[in-house]
Amino acid sequence: MSSPPAPGVAAEQPDEALPTVSGRAQHRVMDELTDSDRGRFLVRTESSRYLLELADGGHGLCRVPGEGLGPVEHLPPPGPASNLRHDGNELVLLHIGQCVVGERAELVLRMPDSDRSVPDGYLATQRITTVVRQIERVE
């Protein structure tokens, strides 16, 4: 018998209809997302939601502020969602440094070439999210 997940942590729920990757069963609700995962994923933090598309040809991300799942019980509330440049637009996701339920996600994004506010030679930006509350495959 396994112990229940910690508060604010989603338990994995296997779905037999989903394929396996490298012998690892794919789940609709996951505890972690990495660069090696493939598919479309909805990541909900305390204050925002992110749609990530992870494919062999590249990764994309779209952030919608203010549509999170609220604070984790044992942590201080995060405050209102910040409005960031390019919210609601798809950006190129270069790397997932960390995306684990119960932790802040670390995402590296390439800013659009059309963004004139980006200084010359500036290639990417790192975003640190509020605490990740849920990761769900949405294919």
N, C-alpha and C. Protein backbone atom coordinates (compact mmCIF):
# COMPACT_ATOMS: atom_id res chain seq x y z
N MET A 1 0.85 -1.18 0.00
CA MET A 1 0.00 0.00 0.00
C MET A 1 0.89 1.24 0.00
N SER A 2 0.64 2.17 -0.91
CA SER A 2 1.47 3.38 -0.99
C SER A 2 0.86 4.49 -0.15
N SER A 3 1.73 5.38 0.28
CA SER A 3 1.26 6.51 1.10
C SER A 3 0.67 7.59 0.21
N PRO A 4 -0.25 8.39 0.71
CA PRO A 4 -0.86 9.45 -0.09
C PRO A 4 0.17 10.53 -0.41
N PRO A 5 -0.04 11.27 -1.52
CA PRO A 5 0.90 12.34 -1.86
C PRO A 5 0.86 13.47 -0.83
N ALA A 6 1.94 14.23 -0.77
CA ALA A 6 2.02 15.39 0.13
C ALA A 6 0.98 16.42 -0.28
N PRO A 7 0.56 17.30 0.63
CA PRO A 7 -0.43 18.34 0.28
C PRO A 7 0.06 19.17 -0.90
N GLY A 8 -0.83 19.42 -1.84
CA GLY A 8 -0.49 20.23 -3.00
C GLY A 8 0.18 19.45 -4.11
N VAL A 9 0.37 18.13 -3.92
CA VAL A 9 1.03 17.30 -4.92
C VAL A 9 -0.01 16.36 -5.53
N ALA A 10 -0.08 16.36 -6.86
CA ALA A 10 -1.03 15.51 -7.55
C ALA A 10 -0.48 14.09 -7.64
N ALA A 11 -1.32 13.11 -7.42
CA ALA A 11 -0.91 11.71 -7.56
C ALA A 11 -1.02 11.31 -9.02
N GLU A 12 -0.11 10.46 -9.49
CA GLU A 12 -0.19 9.98 -10.86
C GLU A 12 -1.38 9.04 -11.00
N GLN A 13 -2.08 9.17 -12.11
CA GLN A 13 -3.23 8.33 -12.37
C GLN A 13 -3.03 7.69 -13.73
N PRO A 14 -2.65 6.38 -13.77
CA PRO A 14 -2.38 5.76 -15.05
C PRO A 14 -3.62 5.66 -15.91
N ASP A 15 -3.42 5.76 -17.20
CA ASP A 15 -4.49 5.60 -18.18
C ASP A 15 -3.99 4.56 -19.17
N GLU A 16 -4.57 3.38 -19.14
CA GLU A 16 -4.09 2.27 -19.96
C GLU A 16 -4.17 2.57 -21.45
N ALA A 17 -5.00 3.51 -21.89
CA ALA A 17 -5.16 3.82 -23.30
C ALA A 17 -4.01 4.67 -23.84
N LEU A 18 -3.19 5.25 -22.96
CA LEU A 18 -2.10 6.11 -23.41
C LEU A 18 -0.87 5.28 -23.72
N PRO A 19 -0.06 5.71 -24.72
CA PRO A 19 1.12 4.95 -25.11
C PRO A 19 2.22 5.01 -24.07
N THR A 20 3.23 4.17 -24.26
CA THR A 20 4.40 4.21 -23.39
C THR A 20 5.57 4.79 -24.18
N VAL A 21 6.49 5.42 -23.49
CA VAL A 21 7.71 5.93 -24.08
C VAL A 21 8.86 5.30 -23.32
N SER A 22 9.74 4.61 -24.02
CA SER A 22 10.88 3.93 -23.40
C SER A 22 10.43 3.03 -22.25
N GLY A 23 9.31 2.36 -22.43
CA GLY A 23 8.83 1.45 -21.41
C GLY A 23 8.16 2.13 -20.23
N ARG A 24 8.08 3.45 -20.24
CA ARG A 24 7.48 4.20 -19.14
C ARG A 24 6.04 4.54 -19.51
N ALA A 25 5.09 4.14 -18.70
CA ALA A 25 3.69 4.43 -18.99
C ALA A 25 3.43 5.93 -18.95
N GLN A 26 2.63 6.40 -19.88
CA GLN A 26 2.24 7.80 -19.91
C GLN A 26 0.96 7.97 -19.10
N HIS A 27 0.85 9.07 -18.38
CA HIS A 27 -0.30 9.31 -17.51
C HIS A 27 -0.95 10.64 -17.89
N ARG A 28 -2.21 10.75 -17.63
CA ARG A 28 -2.89 12.03 -17.86
C ARG A 28 -2.43 13.06 -16.84
N VAL A 29 -2.34 12.68 -15.57
CA VAL A 29 -1.85 13.58 -14.53
C VAL A 29 -0.47 13.08 -14.14
N MET A 30 0.50 14.01 -14.14
CA MET A 30 1.90 13.63 -13.92
C MET A 30 2.48 14.46 -12.78
N ASP A 31 3.58 13.99 -12.21
CA ASP A 31 4.27 14.71 -11.15
C ASP A 31 5.41 15.57 -11.67
N GLU A 32 5.91 15.25 -12.90
CA GLU A 32 7.07 15.94 -13.43
C GLU A 32 7.00 15.97 -14.94
N LEU A 33 7.55 17.04 -15.52
CA LEU A 33 7.64 17.19 -16.96
C LEU A 33 9.08 17.54 -17.30
N THR A 34 9.65 16.87 -18.31
CA THR A 34 11.03 17.11 -18.70
C THR A 34 11.12 17.36 -20.20
N ASP A 35 12.30 17.77 -20.65
CA ASP A 35 12.52 18.00 -22.08
C ASP A 35 12.31 16.74 -22.91
N SER A 36 12.46 15.57 -22.32
CA SER A 36 12.32 14.33 -23.08
C SER A 36 10.87 13.89 -23.26
N ASP A 37 9.92 14.47 -22.53
CA ASP A 37 8.51 14.14 -22.71
C ASP A 37 8.03 14.71 -24.04
N ARG A 38 7.03 14.09 -24.65
CA ARG A 38 6.47 14.53 -25.91
C ARG A 38 4.95 14.59 -25.79
N GLY A 39 4.36 15.62 -26.41
CA GLY A 39 2.92 15.78 -26.40
C GLY A 39 2.54 17.18 -25.96
N ARG A 40 1.24 17.34 -25.69
CA ARG A 40 0.71 18.63 -25.20
C ARG A 40 0.39 18.48 -23.73
N PHE A 41 0.77 19.49 -22.94
CA PHE A 41 0.62 19.42 -21.50
C PHE A 41 0.07 20.74 -20.98
N LEU A 42 -0.84 20.63 -20.03
CA LEU A 42 -1.36 21.80 -19.32
C LEU A 42 -0.70 21.81 -17.95
N VAL A 43 0.05 22.87 -17.68
CA VAL A 43 0.71 23.02 -16.39
C VAL A 43 0.02 24.17 -15.67
N ARG A 44 -0.53 23.86 -14.50
CA ARG A 44 -1.21 24.89 -13.70
C ARG A 44 -0.36 25.18 -12.47
N THR A 45 -0.05 26.46 -12.32
CA THR A 45 0.68 26.90 -11.14
C THR A 45 -0.32 27.52 -10.17
N GLU A 46 0.18 28.13 -9.12
CA GLU A 46 -0.70 28.80 -8.18
C GLU A 46 -1.44 29.95 -8.85
N SER A 47 -0.79 30.63 -9.79
CA SER A 47 -1.38 31.87 -10.32
C SER A 47 -1.61 31.90 -11.83
N SER A 48 -1.13 30.91 -12.59
CA SER A 48 -1.27 30.95 -14.05
C SER A 48 -1.41 29.54 -14.60
N ARG A 49 -1.73 29.49 -15.89
CA ARG A 49 -1.71 28.20 -16.59
C ARG A 49 -0.81 28.33 -17.80
N TYR A 50 -0.17 27.24 -18.14
CA TYR A 50 0.75 27.18 -19.27
C TYR A 50 0.37 26.01 -20.14
N LEU A 51 0.30 26.21 -21.44
CA LEU A 51 0.12 25.12 -22.38
C LEU A 51 1.48 24.90 -23.04
N LEU A 52 2.03 23.71 -22.87
CA LEU A 52 3.32 23.36 -23.45
C LEU A 52 3.12 22.32 -24.52
N GLU A 53 3.75 22.52 -25.64
CA GLU A 53 3.77 21.54 -26.73
C GLU A 53 5.21 21.10 -26.88
N LEU A 54 5.45 19.82 -26.59
CA LEU A 54 6.80 19.28 -26.63
C LEU A 54 6.89 18.29 -27.79
N ALA A 55 7.70 18.60 -28.79
CA ALA A 55 7.82 17.78 -29.99
C ALA A 55 9.28 17.61 -30.38
N ASP A 56 9.55 16.61 -31.19
CA ASP A 56 10.93 16.37 -31.64
C ASP A 56 11.48 17.56 -32.41
N GLY A 57 10.63 18.28 -33.13
CA GLY A 57 11.08 19.42 -33.92
C GLY A 57 11.23 20.72 -33.14
N GLY A 58 10.87 20.73 -31.87
CA GLY A 58 10.96 21.93 -31.04
C GLY A 58 9.82 21.98 -30.05
N HIS A 59 9.94 22.89 -29.11
CA HIS A 59 8.95 23.02 -28.04
C HIS A 59 8.33 24.42 -28.08
N GLY A 60 7.05 24.51 -27.72
CA GLY A 60 6.37 25.79 -27.62
C GLY A 60 5.66 25.93 -26.29
N LEU A 61 5.38 27.18 -25.91
CA LEU A 61 4.73 27.47 -24.63
C LEU A 61 3.83 28.68 -24.79
N CYS A 62 2.67 28.64 -24.15
CA CYS A 62 1.77 29.79 -24.09
C CYS A 62 1.32 29.93 -22.64
N ARG A 63 1.47 31.14 -22.09
CA ARG A 63 1.11 31.41 -20.69
C ARG A 63 -0.15 32.26 -20.63
N VAL A 64 -1.06 31.89 -19.73
CA VAL A 64 -2.26 32.68 -19.46
C VAL A 64 -2.26 33.01 -17.97
N PRO A 65 -1.99 34.28 -17.61
CA PRO A 65 -1.93 34.65 -16.20
C PRO A 65 -3.32 34.67 -15.56
N GLY A 66 -3.34 34.47 -14.25
CA GLY A 66 -4.59 34.59 -13.51
C GLY A 66 -5.50 33.39 -13.57
N GLU A 67 -5.05 32.30 -14.20
CA GLU A 67 -5.88 31.10 -14.30
C GLU A 67 -5.23 29.91 -13.62
N GLY A 68 -4.62 30.16 -12.49
CA GLY A 68 -3.98 29.10 -11.72
C GLY A 68 -4.94 28.42 -10.78
N LEU A 69 -4.41 27.53 -9.96
CA LEU A 69 -5.23 26.75 -9.03
C LEU A 69 -5.21 27.28 -7.61
N GLY A 70 -4.59 28.43 -7.38
CA GLY A 70 -4.56 29.01 -6.05
C GLY A 70 -3.38 28.51 -5.24
N PRO A 71 -3.24 29.06 -4.03
CA PRO A 71 -2.06 28.75 -3.21
C PRO A 71 -2.06 27.33 -2.68
N VAL A 72 -0.86 26.83 -2.42
CA VAL A 72 -0.66 25.55 -1.74
C VAL A 72 -0.92 25.80 -0.26
N GLU A 73 -1.61 24.88 0.41
CA GLU A 73 -2.05 25.08 1.80
C GLU A 73 -0.92 25.46 2.75
N HIS A 74 0.22 24.80 2.67
CA HIS A 74 1.28 25.00 3.66
C HIS A 74 2.28 26.09 3.26
N LEU A 75 2.01 26.83 2.19
CA LEU A 75 2.90 27.90 1.74
C LEU A 75 2.18 29.25 1.78
N PRO A 76 2.93 30.34 1.91
CA PRO A 76 2.29 31.67 1.84
C PRO A 76 1.68 31.88 0.46
N PRO A 77 0.58 32.63 0.36
CA PRO A 77 -0.05 32.87 -0.94
C PRO A 77 0.91 33.62 -1.86
N PRO A 78 0.84 33.35 -3.19
CA PRO A 78 1.79 33.94 -4.11
C PRO A 78 1.52 35.38 -4.48
N GLY A 79 0.36 35.91 -4.19
CA GLY A 79 0.02 37.26 -4.66
C GLY A 79 -0.60 37.17 -6.05
N PRO A 80 -1.04 38.30 -6.59
CA PRO A 80 -1.69 38.27 -7.90
C PRO A 80 -0.71 37.89 -9.01
N ALA A 81 -1.23 37.31 -10.07
CA ALA A 81 -0.40 36.93 -11.22
C ALA A 81 0.15 38.17 -11.90
N SER A 82 1.41 38.11 -12.24
CA SER A 82 2.04 39.21 -12.99
C SER A 82 1.68 39.11 -14.45
N ASN A 83 1.57 40.25 -15.11
CA ASN A 83 1.40 40.26 -16.56
C ASN A 83 2.79 40.37 -17.17
N LEU A 84 3.13 39.41 -18.02
CA LEU A 84 4.44 39.36 -18.65
C LEU A 84 4.32 39.61 -20.15
N ARG A 85 5.40 40.11 -20.73
CA ARG A 85 5.39 40.32 -22.18
C ARG A 85 5.05 39.01 -22.87
N HIS A 86 4.25 39.09 -23.88
CA HIS A 86 3.89 37.96 -24.75
C HIS A 86 2.95 36.96 -24.09
N ASP A 87 2.29 37.32 -22.97
CA ASP A 87 1.27 36.44 -22.42
C ASP A 87 0.22 36.19 -23.49
N GLY A 88 -0.24 34.94 -23.58
CA GLY A 88 -1.26 34.58 -24.56
C GLY A 88 -0.70 34.27 -25.93
N ASN A 89 0.59 34.50 -26.15
CA ASN A 89 1.23 34.21 -27.43
C ASN A 89 2.12 32.98 -27.28
N GLU A 90 2.24 32.21 -28.36
CA GLU A 90 3.13 31.06 -28.32
C GLU A 90 4.58 31.52 -28.43
N LEU A 91 5.40 31.03 -27.52
CA LEU A 91 6.83 31.32 -27.52
C LEU A 91 7.59 30.02 -27.70
N VAL A 92 8.83 30.12 -28.16
CA VAL A 92 9.68 28.94 -28.29
C VAL A 92 10.24 28.60 -26.92
N LEU A 93 10.00 27.38 -26.50
CA LEU A 93 10.53 26.87 -25.23
C LEU A 93 11.84 26.16 -25.54
N LEU A 94 12.94 26.70 -25.06
CA LEU A 94 14.25 26.13 -25.34
C LEU A 94 14.61 25.00 -24.39
N HIS A 95 14.19 25.11 -23.13
CA HIS A 95 14.61 24.12 -22.15
C HIS A 95 13.70 24.17 -20.92
N ILE A 96 13.40 23.00 -20.39
CA ILE A 96 12.72 22.88 -19.10
C ILE A 96 13.80 22.57 -18.08
N GLY A 97 14.16 23.56 -17.28
CA GLY A 97 15.14 23.33 -16.22
C GLY A 97 14.54 22.46 -15.13
N GLN A 98 13.28 22.73 -14.79
CA GLN A 98 12.56 21.96 -13.78
C GLN A 98 11.08 22.23 -13.95
N CYS A 99 10.28 21.20 -13.86
CA CYS A 99 8.82 21.36 -13.83
C CYS A 99 8.27 20.18 -13.04
N VAL A 100 8.15 20.39 -11.73
CA VAL A 100 7.76 19.34 -10.78
C VAL A 100 6.62 19.88 -9.92
N VAL A 101 5.59 19.07 -9.74
CA VAL A 101 4.48 19.46 -8.88
C VAL A 101 5.02 19.70 -7.46
N GLY A 102 4.64 20.82 -6.88
CA GLY A 102 5.08 21.19 -5.54
C GLY A 102 6.31 22.08 -5.52
N GLU A 103 6.88 22.36 -6.70
CA GLU A 103 8.07 23.21 -6.83
C GLU A 103 7.78 24.30 -7.86
N ARG A 104 8.63 25.33 -7.89
CA ARG A 104 8.54 26.34 -8.94
C ARG A 104 9.16 25.77 -10.21
N ALA A 105 8.52 26.00 -11.35
CA ALA A 105 9.10 25.56 -12.62
C ALA A 105 10.13 26.57 -13.09
N GLU A 106 11.15 26.07 -13.77
CA GLU A 106 12.19 26.90 -14.38
C GLU A 106 12.15 26.62 -15.88
N LEU A 107 11.83 27.65 -16.66
CA LEU A 107 11.65 27.51 -18.10
C LEU A 107 12.53 28.52 -18.83
N VAL A 108 13.21 28.07 -19.89
CA VAL A 108 14.04 28.96 -20.69
C VAL A 108 13.35 29.17 -22.03
N LEU A 109 13.06 30.44 -22.36
CA LEU A 109 12.30 30.79 -23.56
C LEU A 109 13.12 31.66 -24.49
N ARG A 110 12.88 31.49 -25.79
CA ARG A 110 13.46 32.42 -26.76
C ARG A 110 12.42 33.48 -27.05
N MET A 111 12.84 34.72 -26.97
CA MET A 111 11.91 35.82 -27.24
C MET A 111 11.72 35.96 -28.75
N PRO A 112 10.56 36.40 -29.19
CA PRO A 112 10.30 36.54 -30.63
C PRO A 112 11.24 37.56 -31.27
N ASP A 113 11.63 37.29 -32.52
CA ASP A 113 12.49 38.22 -33.26
C ASP A 113 11.81 39.58 -33.43
N SER A 114 10.49 39.60 -33.42
CA SER A 114 9.75 40.85 -33.61
C SER A 114 9.74 41.74 -32.37
N ASP A 115 10.22 41.22 -31.24
CA ASP A 115 10.20 41.99 -29.99
C ASP A 115 11.35 42.99 -30.00
N ARG A 116 11.05 44.24 -30.31
CA ARG A 116 12.07 45.29 -30.42
C ARG A 116 12.61 45.74 -29.06
N SER A 117 11.95 45.32 -27.97
CA SER A 117 12.44 45.70 -26.65
C SER A 117 13.59 44.80 -26.18
N VAL A 118 13.86 43.73 -26.94
CA VAL A 118 14.93 42.81 -26.57
C VAL A 118 16.26 43.39 -27.07
N PRO A 119 17.25 43.59 -26.17
CA PRO A 119 18.54 44.15 -26.59
C PRO A 119 19.27 43.24 -27.57
N ASP A 120 20.12 43.83 -28.41
CA ASP A 120 20.94 43.05 -29.34
C ASP A 120 21.77 42.03 -28.57
N GLY A 121 21.87 40.83 -29.09
CA GLY A 121 22.65 39.79 -28.47
C GLY A 121 21.92 39.02 -27.38
N TYR A 122 20.70 39.42 -27.07
CA TYR A 122 19.90 38.78 -26.03
C TYR A 122 19.18 37.60 -26.66
N LEU A 123 19.51 36.39 -26.25
CA LEU A 123 18.99 35.21 -26.93
C LEU A 123 17.80 34.56 -26.24
N ALA A 124 17.75 34.62 -24.93
CA ALA A 124 16.71 33.89 -24.21
C ALA A 124 16.42 34.56 -22.87
N THR A 125 15.33 34.12 -22.27
CA THR A 125 14.98 34.58 -20.92
C THR A 125 14.58 33.36 -20.10
N GLN A 126 14.84 33.43 -18.81
CA GLN A 126 14.44 32.37 -17.91
C GLN A 126 13.23 32.85 -17.13
N ARG A 127 12.23 32.00 -17.06
CA ARG A 127 11.05 32.30 -16.26
C ARG A 127 10.97 31.31 -15.12
N ILE A 128 10.73 31.84 -13.94
CA ILE A 128 10.50 31.03 -12.75
C ILE A 128 9.04 31.23 -12.38
N THR A 129 8.27 30.16 -12.32
CA THR A 129 6.84 30.26 -12.07
C THR A 129 6.55 30.25 -10.57
N THR A 130 5.29 30.48 -10.22
CA THR A 130 4.84 30.17 -8.87
C THR A 130 4.80 28.64 -8.77
N VAL A 131 4.48 28.11 -7.63
CA VAL A 131 4.53 26.67 -7.40
C VAL A 131 3.58 25.93 -8.36
N VAL A 132 4.11 24.89 -9.00
CA VAL A 132 3.32 24.05 -9.91
C VAL A 132 2.36 23.23 -9.07
N ARG A 133 1.08 23.30 -9.42
CA ARG A 133 0.04 22.56 -8.70
C ARG A 133 -0.39 21.30 -9.45
N GLN A 134 -0.33 21.34 -10.80
CA GLN A 134 -0.82 20.19 -11.58
C GLN A 134 -0.16 20.18 -12.96
N ILE A 135 0.17 18.99 -13.41
CA ILE A 135 0.67 18.76 -14.77
C ILE A 135 -0.24 17.72 -15.38
N GLU A 136 -0.82 18.05 -16.53
CA GLU A 136 -1.77 17.12 -17.16
C GLU A 136 -1.51 17.02 -18.66
N ARG A 137 -1.47 15.79 -19.16
CA ARG A 137 -1.38 15.56 -20.60
C ARG A 137 -2.74 15.88 -21.20
N VAL A 138 -2.78 16.65 -22.29
CA VAL A 138 -4.07 17.09 -22.84
C VAL A 138 -4.25 16.68 -24.29
N GLU A 139 -3.64 15.59 -24.71
CA GLU A 139 -3.79 15.13 -26.10
C GLU A 139 -5.15 14.55 -26.32
